[in-house]
Amino acid sequence: MSRIQTVRGYVDHHALTRPDQPFLIAPDTENSLNFLALKQGVDHIGANLDELGVATGAKVGFLLNNGFWTTQLFIGVMANQRVIVPLNAVAGARQLEHVLGHSDTEIVFVSEEYKSRLQDLIKAVGRNIKMIMVDDQSGIQWPTDAPIHSKPGAFNPAETDPALLLYTSGSTGLPKGAVLSHRAVVNGGLNVAKGHHLTASDRALCVLPVYHINGAMVTVSAPLVSGSSVVMPSRFSARTFWQTVAEYGCTWASLVPTIIKYLLDRADQEPYSFGDEPRLATFRFGRSASAPLPAVVLEQWEETFKVPMIETIGLTETAGTVATNPMPPAERKPGSVGLAVGNEIIIADDNGKELKPDQEGEVMIRGANLLDLYYKNPEATESSFLNDWFRTGDLATKDKDGYLYITGRIKELIIRGGENIAPREIDDVLYQHVSILEAATVGVEDENYGQEVVACVVVRDGYQCSAEELQSFCEKEVGAYKTPKTIYFMDDLPKGPSGKILRLKLPKIIAEL
């Protein structure tokens, strides 16, 4: 199985070997798809793209919520030797206009919900981009519905062919487009399957958007390569999460810390006896990625829901997962994102030399899951690689056992009076306070120290606290030197599509307060 290195290869393989096994279930529309039907849908997409004159290698976008047709398009475009360009449905107009224009997208599939928005974007881009509507019930509204080719699967991409063009969340400036080959997309899924011991009997619950690398690789590519299945609502709902797990027999879910806290906040409202609930007996683990998971939140999850929470890490440029804590009964280390899986990870100094255990340096990655390049950005591509090692910009340490501990981003370091302060250290303390839902520490300019430490927080519904209370709380844990001088209370913090807090946007927001 691991020798298959293209999306098309897995579609065809499973259609032949397990045609009747479910692959996709869409609860909102009550649609489902087995592997044979997935292949038929993929072939139908290829026939229609051909009919429209969309050449192989062309960029094909979508502006859709998760669901039945979104998943088929995501897989079908890649499998038919075109490049899929997911558009972030919650991104600002400036970012979407940049992505649509920069990517050279020729055709976009869109729902009625986003139609007028897409029309405005196409007008702003000033280029002829074809728009095709997608209805939740009736499906893709092809201009002329083409018959399937006499030779289904006529498009057979090579493993080196580009498959996915996904733009980073753009924490600084406009986002960059990461070009991921079929080999990278496949290995991104294989890393998840290997790290979590997925088998054909597993069933993922996808609550993260497919237009982000986590949703795309963890809960679409991983089920595809492992021959398992995925349940995909259109959106995340804390109210129906456990109900969906129970109804469809989900065995795992990929989450982010904010969603984990939402589920914890309403745990006492659930009609389930966690730990000995027959309706949830299939659910064997949750996994967390895309943002740091405070150790106290991991502990609360496991105490409340009685199933393991597996902390992991992945990047857009690495087709998702690069490291994960091992599955029980192997040792998991709270605060660590785990061990390298499916690729090599080193902690290196500025010259790329690997450092000893417990020394802090930059995370560098090598493997078959890496991006090929940043689209139309050779400078960024060149600066991001040292030989065949990808420079992530993340700061971390590895302990003697190889467990990875992320300490921050190189550009996020706060330098106060000449001392480096990692924002996450202060974030972790703030998250331990019962009132805090979200927290992000940043440095702002200061005439005395160069930078001063400040924090932005969001308070949980039904709770309250003062800045003085939080400062006292921090001082006990990290000392007065690292305690935020000012704490800003906000309704929400800026985030990327995965839920990752965009820390580098906060200084500008603070300056405008």
Protein backbone atom coordinates (compact mmCIF):
# COMPACT_ATOMS: atom_id res chain seq x y z
CA MET A 1 0.00 0.00 0.00
CA SER A 2 2.75 2.47 0.92
CA ARG A 3 4.15 2.08 -2.63
CA ILE A 4 1.11 3.89 -3.99
CA GLN A 5 2.19 7.52 -4.24
CA THR A 6 -0.71 9.30 -5.94
CA VAL A 7 -4.25 10.22 -4.97
CA ARG A 8 -5.54 8.46 -8.10
CA GLY A 9 -3.68 5.31 -7.08
CA TYR A 10 -5.53 5.07 -3.78
CA VAL A 11 -8.93 5.86 -5.32
CA ASP A 12 -8.52 3.08 -7.87
CA HIS A 13 -6.99 0.62 -5.42
CA HIS A 14 -9.80 0.87 -2.86
CA ALA A 15 -12.51 0.82 -5.54
CA LEU A 16 -11.06 -2.53 -6.66
CA THR A 17 -10.31 -4.11 -3.28
CA ARG A 18 -13.10 -2.75 -1.03
CA PRO A 19 -15.75 -1.27 -3.32
CA ASP A 20 -18.66 -1.51 -0.89
CA GLN A 21 -16.88 -0.12 2.17
CA PRO A 22 -18.06 3.36 3.24
CA PHE A 23 -15.63 6.19 2.73
CA LEU A 24 -17.62 9.39 3.28
CA ILE A 25 -20.72 10.19 5.35
CA ALA A 26 -22.23 13.70 5.27
CA PRO A 27 -24.72 13.98 8.15
CA ASP A 28 -26.14 17.37 7.12
CA THR A 29 -27.40 16.08 3.77
CA GLU A 30 -27.68 12.40 4.72
CA ASN A 31 -25.45 11.44 1.79
CA SER A 32 -22.83 8.71 1.84
CA LEU A 33 -20.25 7.33 -0.53
CA ASN A 34 -18.48 3.98 -0.71
CA PHE A 35 -15.11 3.53 -2.42
CA LEU A 36 -16.61 2.39 -5.72
CA ALA A 37 -18.91 5.42 -5.78
CA LEU A 38 -15.94 7.62 -4.91
CA LYS A 39 -14.11 6.37 -8.01
CA GLN A 40 -17.20 6.90 -10.15
CA GLY A 41 -17.55 10.43 -8.80
CA VAL A 42 -13.86 11.12 -9.44
CA ASP A 43 -14.15 9.86 -13.02
CA HIS A 44 -17.23 12.03 -13.54
CA ILE A 45 -15.35 15.11 -12.32
CA GLY A 46 -12.48 14.32 -14.70
CA ALA A 47 -14.82 13.94 -17.65
CA ASN A 48 -16.46 17.28 -16.96
CA LEU A 49 -13.18 19.13 -16.44
CA ASP A 50 -12.06 17.73 -19.76
CA GLU A 51 -15.33 18.84 -21.39
CA LEU A 52 -14.75 22.35 -20.05
CA GLY A 53 -11.28 22.45 -21.56
CA VAL A 54 -9.49 22.58 -18.22
CA ALA A 55 -5.99 21.37 -19.07
CA THR A 56 -3.96 19.01 -16.91
CA GLY A 57 -1.96 20.98 -14.37
CA ALA A 58 -4.51 23.79 -14.31
CA LYS A 59 -5.56 25.36 -10.99
CA VAL A 60 -9.12 24.59 -9.85
CA GLY A 61 -10.49 26.26 -6.72
CA PHE A 62 -13.43 25.84 -4.38
CA LEU A 63 -15.17 28.21 -1.98
CA LEU A 64 -17.32 25.82 0.02
CA ASN A 65 -18.05 24.59 3.50
CA ASN A 66 -17.18 21.00 4.36
CA GLY A 67 -19.42 18.29 3.02
CA PHE A 68 -20.24 15.60 0.49
CA TRP A 69 -19.43 17.49 -2.70
CA THR A 70 -16.49 19.41 -1.26
CA THR A 71 -14.71 16.17 -0.43
CA GLN A 72 -15.35 14.68 -3.86
CA LEU A 73 -14.04 17.81 -5.57
CA PHE A 74 -10.99 17.95 -3.32
CA ILE A 75 -10.03 14.38 -4.19
CA GLY A 76 -11.38 14.40 -7.75
CA VAL A 77 -9.48 17.43 -8.99
CA MET A 78 -6.17 16.03 -7.73
CA ALA A 79 -6.88 12.51 -8.99
CA ASN A 80 -7.56 13.92 -12.46
CA GLN A 81 -4.17 15.60 -12.79
CA ARG A 82 -5.29 19.14 -11.95
CA VAL A 83 -4.26 21.20 -8.94
CA ILE A 84 -6.85 21.92 -6.25
CA VAL A 85 -6.80 25.39 -4.67
CA PRO A 86 -8.96 25.51 -1.52
CA LEU A 87 -10.20 29.02 -0.73
CA ASN A 88 -10.57 29.94 2.91
CA ALA A 89 -14.24 30.75 3.47
CA VAL A 90 -13.56 32.86 6.57
CA ALA A 91 -10.58 34.82 5.20
CA GLY A 92 -10.73 38.55 4.60
CA ALA A 93 -11.33 39.98 1.14
CA ARG A 94 -7.72 41.14 0.77
CA GLN A 95 -6.33 37.68 1.41
CA LEU A 96 -8.85 35.92 -0.82
CA GLU A 97 -8.29 38.38 -3.65
CA HIS A 98 -4.55 37.75 -3.41
CA VAL A 99 -4.96 33.95 -3.41
CA LEU A 100 -7.41 33.95 -6.31
CA GLY A 101 -5.22 36.23 -8.41
CA HIS A 102 -1.82 34.86 -7.46
CA SER A 103 -2.76 31.18 -7.87
CA ASP A 104 -3.83 31.51 -11.54
CA THR A 105 -7.04 29.68 -10.67
CA GLU A 106 -9.15 29.14 -13.79
CA ILE A 107 -12.37 27.77 -12.33
CA VAL A 108 -14.00 27.95 -8.88
CA PHE A 109 -16.74 25.76 -7.44
CA VAL A 110 -18.91 27.77 -5.06
CA SER A 111 -22.08 27.45 -2.97
CA GLU A 112 -24.96 29.91 -2.98
CA GLU A 113 -23.78 31.14 0.41
CA TYR A 114 -20.53 32.49 -1.05
CA LYS A 115 -21.64 33.28 -4.62
CA SER A 116 -21.87 37.06 -4.31
CA ARG A 117 -18.59 37.18 -2.43
CA LEU A 118 -16.85 35.24 -5.17
CA GLN A 119 -18.35 37.48 -7.84
CA ASP A 120 -16.86 40.51 -6.08
CA LEU A 121 -13.49 38.78 -5.83
CA ILE A 122 -13.43 37.83 -9.50
CA LYS A 123 -14.27 41.41 -10.40
CA ALA A 124 -11.44 42.68 -8.21
CA VAL A 125 -8.96 40.21 -9.71
CA GLY A 126 -9.92 41.41 -13.19
CA ARG A 127 -9.39 38.07 -14.90
CA ASN A 128 -11.83 35.64 -16.50
CA ILE A 129 -12.49 32.95 -13.89
CA LYS A 130 -15.29 30.47 -14.49
CA MET A 131 -17.73 29.95 -11.61
CA ILE A 132 -19.65 26.69 -11.13
CA MET A 133 -22.36 26.38 -8.51
CA VAL A 134 -22.56 23.51 -6.04
CA ASP A 135 -25.82 22.70 -4.28
CA ASP A 136 -25.83 20.59 -1.11
CA GLN A 137 -28.59 18.35 -2.42
CA SER A 138 -28.42 18.35 -6.24
CA GLY A 139 -24.63 18.61 -6.41
CA ILE A 140 -22.33 20.21 -8.98
CA GLN A 141 -24.16 22.25 -11.61
CA TRP A 142 -21.96 21.41 -14.62
CA PRO A 143 -22.69 23.64 -17.67
CA THR A 144 -23.08 20.50 -19.79
CA ASP A 145 -22.98 17.18 -18.01
CA ALA A 146 -20.33 15.16 -19.83
CA PRO A 147 -20.44 11.38 -20.07
CA ILE A 148 -17.67 9.53 -18.30
CA HIS A 149 -14.73 8.79 -20.57
CA SER A 150 -14.79 5.47 -22.34
CA LYS A 151 -11.62 4.80 -20.39
CA PRO A 152 -12.38 5.76 -16.76
CA GLY A 153 -9.31 6.98 -14.93
CA ALA A 154 -7.79 8.33 -18.14
CA PHE A 155 -5.85 10.87 -16.08
CA ASN A 156 -3.00 9.22 -14.20
CA PRO A 157 -0.81 11.75 -12.40
CA ALA A 158 2.76 10.97 -11.47
CA GLU A 159 3.85 11.18 -7.85
CA THR A 160 5.89 14.29 -8.65
CA ASP A 161 2.96 16.12 -10.26
CA PRO A 162 1.55 19.04 -8.25
CA ALA A 163 -1.73 18.12 -6.53
CA LEU A 164 -2.50 20.83 -3.99
CA LEU A 165 -1.80 24.57 -3.85
CA LEU A 166 -2.57 25.71 -0.34
CA TYR A 167 -1.87 29.16 1.01
CA THR A 168 -0.46 29.65 4.48
CA SER A 169 -2.49 31.60 7.02
CA GLY A 170 -0.33 34.67 6.51
CA SER A 171 0.62 35.68 10.04
CA THR A 172 2.86 38.30 8.45
CA GLY A 173 1.83 39.97 5.23
CA LEU A 174 0.12 38.16 2.37
CA PRO A 175 0.06 34.35 2.43
CA LYS A 176 2.45 32.19 0.43
CA GLY A 177 1.21 29.34 -1.77
CA ALA A 178 2.70 25.97 -0.86
CA VAL A 179 2.82 23.58 -3.83
CA LEU A 180 2.37 19.99 -2.64
CA SER A 181 2.88 17.04 -4.96
CA HIS A 182 0.88 13.80 -5.00
CA ARG A 183 3.74 12.19 -3.11
CA ALA A 184 3.50 14.87 -0.40
CA VAL A 185 -0.30 14.60 -0.11
CA VAL A 186 -0.12 10.81 0.12
CA ASN A 187 2.68 10.85 2.69
CA GLY A 188 0.88 13.51 4.71
CA GLY A 189 -1.97 11.04 5.06
CA LEU A 190 0.34 8.09 5.69
CA ASN A 191 2.05 9.95 8.53
CA VAL A 192 -1.31 10.34 10.29
CA ALA A 193 -2.27 6.71 9.65
CA LYS A 194 1.09 5.48 10.92
CA GLY A 195 1.20 7.75 13.95
CA HIS A 196 -2.33 6.84 15.10
CA HIS A 197 -2.34 3.19 13.98
CA LEU A 198 -5.33 3.73 11.70
CA THR A 199 -6.92 0.70 10.06
CA ALA A 200 -9.79 0.23 7.62
CA SER A 201 -12.16 -0.11 10.58
CA ASP A 202 -11.46 3.44 11.82
CA ARG A 203 -13.85 6.33 11.25
CA ALA A 204 -12.77 9.96 11.63
CA LEU A 205 -15.04 12.83 12.62
CA CYS A 206 -13.96 15.84 10.56
CA VAL A 207 -14.83 19.14 12.28
CA LEU A 208 -11.99 21.24 10.83
CA PRO A 209 -12.29 22.87 7.39
CA VAL A 210 -10.95 21.02 4.36
CA TYR A 211 -9.59 24.33 3.10
CA HIS A 212 -6.94 24.03 5.83
CA ILE A 213 -4.08 21.54 5.89
CA ASN A 214 -5.33 19.85 9.06
CA GLY A 215 -8.78 19.06 7.73
CA ALA A 216 -7.41 18.23 4.29
CA MET A 217 -4.62 15.86 5.28
CA VAL A 218 -5.66 14.50 8.67
CA THR A 219 -9.32 13.77 8.00
CA VAL A 220 -9.43 13.33 4.20
CA SER A 221 -6.03 12.08 3.04
CA ALA A 222 -5.47 9.81 6.05
CA PRO A 223 -8.83 7.99 5.67
CA LEU A 224 -8.18 7.72 1.93
CA VAL A 225 -4.75 6.11 2.24
CA SER A 226 -5.78 3.87 5.17
CA GLY A 227 -8.97 2.69 3.46
CA SER A 228 -11.06 3.91 6.38
CA SER A 229 -13.93 6.40 6.51
CA VAL A 230 -14.78 9.95 7.52
CA VAL A 231 -17.93 11.60 8.86
CA MET A 232 -18.06 15.20 7.67
CA PRO A 233 -20.61 17.74 8.93
CA SER A 234 -20.61 21.11 7.19
CA ARG A 235 -19.40 22.88 10.33
CA PHE A 236 -18.23 22.16 13.85
CA SER A 237 -20.92 22.19 16.51
CA ALA A 238 -20.06 21.64 20.17
CA ARG A 239 -23.72 20.85 20.81
CA THR A 240 -23.84 17.92 18.36
CA PHE A 241 -20.24 16.67 18.57
CA TRP A 242 -20.78 13.71 20.88
CA GLN A 243 -24.18 12.98 19.34
CA THR A 244 -22.46 12.57 15.96
CA VAL A 245 -19.77 10.35 17.47
CA ALA A 246 -22.47 8.13 18.97
CA GLU A 247 -24.74 7.99 15.92
CA TYR A 248 -22.05 7.18 13.36
CA GLY A 249 -19.61 5.17 15.46
CA CYS A 250 -16.67 7.55 15.05
CA THR A 251 -13.39 6.24 16.44
CA TRP A 252 -11.38 9.47 16.53
CA ALA A 253 -11.43 13.20 15.79
CA SER A 254 -8.88 15.87 14.98
CA LEU A 255 -9.38 18.99 17.10
CA VAL A 256 -7.73 22.27 18.05
CA PRO A 257 -7.36 23.66 21.59
CA THR A 258 -10.20 26.18 21.32
CA ILE A 259 -12.63 23.44 20.22
CA ILE A 260 -11.38 21.21 23.03
CA LYS A 261 -12.23 23.93 25.54
CA TYR A 262 -15.67 24.45 23.99
CA LEU A 263 -16.37 20.74 24.46
CA LEU A 264 -15.12 20.86 28.04
CA ASP A 265 -17.30 23.88 28.81
CA ARG A 266 -20.49 22.00 27.97
CA ALA A 267 -19.45 18.51 29.15
CA ASP A 268 -21.87 18.60 32.09
CA GLN A 269 -24.75 19.22 29.66
CA GLU A 270 -24.13 16.03 27.68
CA PRO A 271 -26.50 13.05 28.16
CA TYR A 272 -23.59 10.61 28.27
CA SER A 273 -21.74 8.84 31.04
CA PHE A 274 -18.21 9.30 29.78
CA GLY A 275 -15.95 6.35 30.45
CA ASP A 276 -18.65 3.69 30.49
CA GLU A 277 -21.09 4.94 27.84
CA PRO A 278 -21.98 2.17 25.35
CA ARG A 279 -23.00 4.72 22.71
CA LEU A 280 -19.46 6.13 22.71
CA ALA A 281 -17.63 2.81 23.01
CA THR A 282 -16.06 3.10 19.55
CA PHE A 283 -14.35 6.44 20.24
CA ARG A 284 -10.72 5.68 21.07
CA PHE A 285 -8.86 9.01 20.96
CA GLY A 286 -8.84 12.70 20.16
CA ARG A 287 -5.87 14.43 18.62
CA SER A 288 -4.83 18.05 18.95
CA ALA A 289 -2.82 20.14 16.51
CA SER A 290 -2.52 23.56 14.83
CA ALA A 291 -1.97 25.42 18.11
CA PRO A 292 -0.22 24.66 21.41
CA LEU A 293 -2.29 22.56 23.81
CA PRO A 294 -1.75 23.63 27.44
CA ALA A 295 -0.97 20.64 29.65
CA VAL A 296 -3.81 21.61 32.01
CA VAL A 297 -6.35 21.41 29.16
CA LEU A 298 -5.05 17.99 28.07
CA GLU A 299 -5.46 16.79 31.64
CA GLN A 300 -9.00 18.19 31.85
CA TRP A 301 -9.97 16.44 28.60
CA GLU A 302 -8.77 13.04 29.76
CA GLU A 303 -10.31 13.40 33.21
CA THR A 304 -13.64 14.49 31.73
CA PHE A 305 -14.05 12.34 28.61
CA LYS A 306 -11.95 9.32 29.66
CA VAL A 307 -10.17 8.93 26.32
CA PRO A 308 -6.60 9.87 25.37
CA MET A 309 -5.81 13.22 23.79
CA ILE A 310 -2.83 12.88 21.45
CA GLU A 311 -0.84 16.07 20.95
CA THR A 312 0.70 16.47 17.49
CA ILE A 313 2.17 19.07 15.18
CA GLY A 314 2.01 19.72 11.45
CA LEU A 315 2.54 22.50 8.92
CA THR A 316 1.04 23.45 5.60
CA GLU A 317 4.48 23.05 4.03
CA THR A 318 4.82 19.49 5.31
CA ALA A 319 1.37 18.27 4.21
CA GLY A 320 0.33 18.22 7.84
CA THR A 321 1.62 15.90 10.53
CA VAL A 322 5.35 15.67 11.18
CA ALA A 323 5.34 14.56 14.82
CA THR A 324 2.91 12.98 17.23
CA ASN A 325 2.85 11.56 20.70
CA PRO A 326 2.59 7.78 20.42
CA MET A 327 -0.66 5.94 21.05
CA PRO A 328 -1.20 4.32 24.44
CA PRO A 329 0.26 2.35 26.10
CA ALA A 330 3.46 3.98 24.82
CA GLU A 331 4.64 7.03 26.74
CA ARG A 332 3.02 10.39 26.01
CA LYS A 333 4.63 13.53 27.39
CA PRO A 334 2.35 16.49 28.21
CA GLY A 335 3.65 19.69 26.65
CA SER A 336 5.46 17.77 23.91
CA VAL A 337 4.17 17.38 20.36
CA GLY A 338 5.75 13.95 20.32
CA LEU A 339 8.16 12.01 18.14
CA ALA A 340 8.91 12.41 14.45
CA VAL A 341 6.67 10.23 12.30
CA GLY A 342 7.26 9.52 8.62
CA ASN A 343 10.02 12.12 8.29
CA GLU A 344 13.21 13.30 9.97
CA ILE A 345 13.29 16.20 12.43
CA ILE A 346 16.38 17.87 13.85
CA ILE A 347 16.92 20.89 16.10
CA ALA A 348 19.58 23.00 14.46
CA ASP A 349 21.64 26.13 15.04
CA ASP A 350 21.76 29.06 12.59
CA ASN A 351 24.14 27.12 10.32
CA GLY A 352 21.96 24.02 10.18
CA LYS A 353 24.13 21.98 12.55
CA GLU A 354 22.15 19.58 14.71
CA LEU A 355 22.15 20.50 18.38
CA LYS A 356 22.38 18.21 21.39
CA PRO A 357 19.32 17.14 23.43
CA ASP A 358 17.64 19.93 25.40
CA GLN A 359 19.37 22.68 23.41
CA GLU A 360 17.01 25.19 21.79
CA GLY A 361 17.21 25.79 18.07
CA GLU A 362 15.21 25.82 14.87
CA VAL A 363 13.09 22.85 13.84
CA MET A 364 14.25 21.47 10.48
CA ILE A 365 12.42 18.73 8.60
CA ARG A 366 13.28 16.33 5.79
CA GLY A 367 10.94 13.84 4.14
CA ALA A 368 8.65 12.86 1.27
CA ASN A 369 5.85 15.03 2.69
CA LEU A 370 7.60 18.36 2.04
CA LEU A 371 6.33 21.02 -0.33
CA ASP A 372 8.12 21.35 -3.64
CA LEU A 373 8.17 25.14 -3.62
CA TYR A 374 6.28 28.33 -2.87
CA TYR A 375 4.28 29.22 -5.96
CA LYS A 376 5.83 32.07 -7.96
CA ASN A 377 8.08 32.93 -5.02
CA PRO A 378 11.62 31.59 -5.62
CA GLU A 379 13.09 33.84 -2.93
CA ALA A 380 10.87 32.36 -0.22
CA THR A 381 11.56 28.84 -1.53
CA GLU A 382 15.32 29.35 -1.44
CA SER A 383 15.36 30.91 2.02
CA SER A 384 13.18 28.11 3.44
CA PHE A 385 15.52 25.27 2.52
CA LEU A 386 19.02 24.39 3.63
CA ASN A 387 20.01 21.65 1.18
CA ASP A 388 17.06 19.23 1.49
CA TRP A 389 16.05 20.37 4.99
CA PHE A 390 13.02 22.63 5.37
CA ARG A 391 13.51 25.47 7.86
CA THR A 392 10.25 25.83 9.76
CA GLY A 393 10.97 28.99 11.74
CA ASP A 394 9.81 27.16 14.88
CA LEU A 395 11.99 27.13 17.97
CA ALA A 396 12.10 23.91 19.95
CA THR A 397 14.12 21.43 21.96
CA LYS A 398 14.27 17.65 21.78
CA ASP A 399 14.82 15.60 24.89
CA LYS A 400 17.09 12.55 25.06
CA ASP A 401 14.21 10.31 23.99
CA GLY A 402 13.52 12.38 20.86
CA TYR A 403 10.32 14.08 22.08
CA LEU A 404 9.85 17.51 20.54
CA TYR A 405 8.95 20.59 22.62
CA ILE A 406 7.96 23.71 20.71
CA THR A 407 9.08 26.84 22.55
CA GLY A 408 7.98 29.51 20.08
CA ARG A 409 8.57 31.11 16.72
CA ILE A 410 11.84 32.83 15.85
CA LYS A 411 9.99 36.00 14.92
CA GLU A 412 7.72 35.83 17.96
CA LEU A 413 10.46 36.02 20.57
CA ILE A 414 10.09 38.93 22.97
CA ILE A 415 13.41 40.58 23.73
CA ARG A 416 13.03 42.56 26.95
CA GLY A 417 16.13 44.28 28.20
CA GLY A 418 18.28 41.92 26.15
CA GLU A 419 16.63 38.77 27.55
CA ASN A 420 14.75 36.41 25.23
CA ILE A 421 11.26 35.58 26.48
CA ALA A 422 9.22 32.84 24.81
CA PRO A 423 5.56 33.95 24.62
CA ARG A 424 4.26 30.42 25.01
CA GLU A 425 5.69 30.15 28.52
CA ILE A 426 3.40 32.97 29.62
CA ASP A 427 0.48 31.70 27.52
CA ASP A 428 0.65 28.36 29.31
CA VAL A 429 0.32 30.08 32.68
CA LEU A 430 -2.65 32.18 31.57
CA TYR A 431 -4.41 29.09 30.24
CA GLN A 432 -4.21 27.54 33.70
CA HIS A 433 -6.52 30.27 35.04
CA VAL A 434 -10.08 28.98 35.13
CA SER A 435 -11.48 32.15 33.52
CA ILE A 436 -9.36 32.13 30.36
CA LEU A 437 -10.58 30.72 27.05
CA GLU A 438 -7.82 32.10 24.81
CA ALA A 439 -4.53 33.84 25.50
CA ALA A 440 -1.61 35.18 23.49
CA THR A 441 1.44 37.02 24.79
CA VAL A 442 3.35 39.44 22.59
CA GLY A 443 6.05 42.07 22.77
CA VAL A 444 5.34 45.74 22.12
CA GLU A 445 7.85 48.53 21.68
CA ASP A 446 9.12 50.12 24.90
CA GLU A 447 11.62 52.96 25.26
CA ASN A 448 13.17 51.53 28.41
CA TYR A 449 13.40 47.82 27.65
CA GLY A 450 13.21 47.71 23.85
CA GLN A 451 10.12 45.52 24.17
CA GLU A 452 7.59 45.11 26.94
CA VAL A 453 5.51 42.00 27.65
CA VAL A 454 1.74 42.31 27.19
CA ALA A 455 -1.00 39.72 26.91
CA CYS A 456 -4.34 39.53 25.10
CA VAL A 457 -7.00 37.28 26.57
CA VAL A 458 -10.56 36.13 25.94
CA VAL A 459 -12.61 35.27 29.04
CA ARG A 460 -14.85 32.20 29.08
CA ASP A 461 -18.60 32.72 29.06
CA GLY A 462 -19.94 33.02 32.58
CA TYR A 463 -16.57 33.87 34.12
CA GLN A 464 -14.85 37.11 35.04
CA CYS A 465 -11.47 38.24 36.26
CA SER A 466 -9.39 41.40 36.47
CA ALA A 467 -6.05 42.31 34.94
CA GLU A 468 -4.58 42.54 38.45
CA GLU A 469 -5.74 39.02 39.25
CA LEU A 470 -4.14 37.61 36.10
CA GLN A 471 -0.89 39.54 36.66
CA SER A 472 -0.64 38.20 40.19
CA PHE A 473 -1.36 34.72 38.86
CA CYS A 474 1.45 35.04 36.29
CA GLU A 475 3.96 36.54 38.70
CA LYS A 476 3.71 33.49 40.95
CA GLU A 477 4.59 31.22 38.04
CA VAL A 478 7.07 33.12 35.83
CA GLY A 479 8.25 35.97 38.04
CA ALA A 480 7.78 39.72 37.80
CA TYR A 481 10.21 40.11 34.89
CA LYS A 482 8.06 38.03 32.53
CA THR A 483 4.66 39.05 33.87
CA PRO A 484 2.64 41.06 31.32
CA LYS A 485 2.78 44.77 32.07
CA THR A 486 -0.65 45.18 30.48
CA ILE A 487 -3.43 42.69 29.86
CA TYR A 488 -5.98 43.42 27.14
CA PHE A 489 -9.41 41.82 27.33
CA MET A 490 -10.82 41.05 23.88
CA ASP A 491 -13.94 39.46 22.44
CA ASP A 492 -11.86 37.33 20.10
CA LEU A 493 -8.26 36.88 18.98
CA PRO A 494 -7.24 36.86 15.30
CA LYS A 495 -6.91 33.31 13.97
CA GLY A 496 -6.06 31.36 10.87
CA PRO A 497 -8.51 28.80 9.46
CA SER A 498 -7.16 26.05 11.72
CA GLY A 499 -7.86 28.03 14.89
CA LYS A 500 -4.21 29.01 15.31
CA ILE A 501 -3.93 32.40 16.99
CA LEU A 502 -2.11 34.84 14.70
CA ARG A 503 0.10 36.33 17.37
CA LEU A 504 1.98 38.66 15.06
CA LYS A 505 -1.21 40.55 14.22
CA LEU A 506 -1.77 41.55 17.85
CA PRO A 507 0.74 44.45 18.18
CA LYS A 508 -1.06 46.36 15.42
CA ILE A 509 -4.45 45.66 17.01
CA ILE A 510 -3.13 46.83 20.38
CA ALA A 511 -1.71 50.02 18.85
CA GLU A 512 -5.16 50.90 17.55
CA LEU A 513 -6.94 50.43 20.88
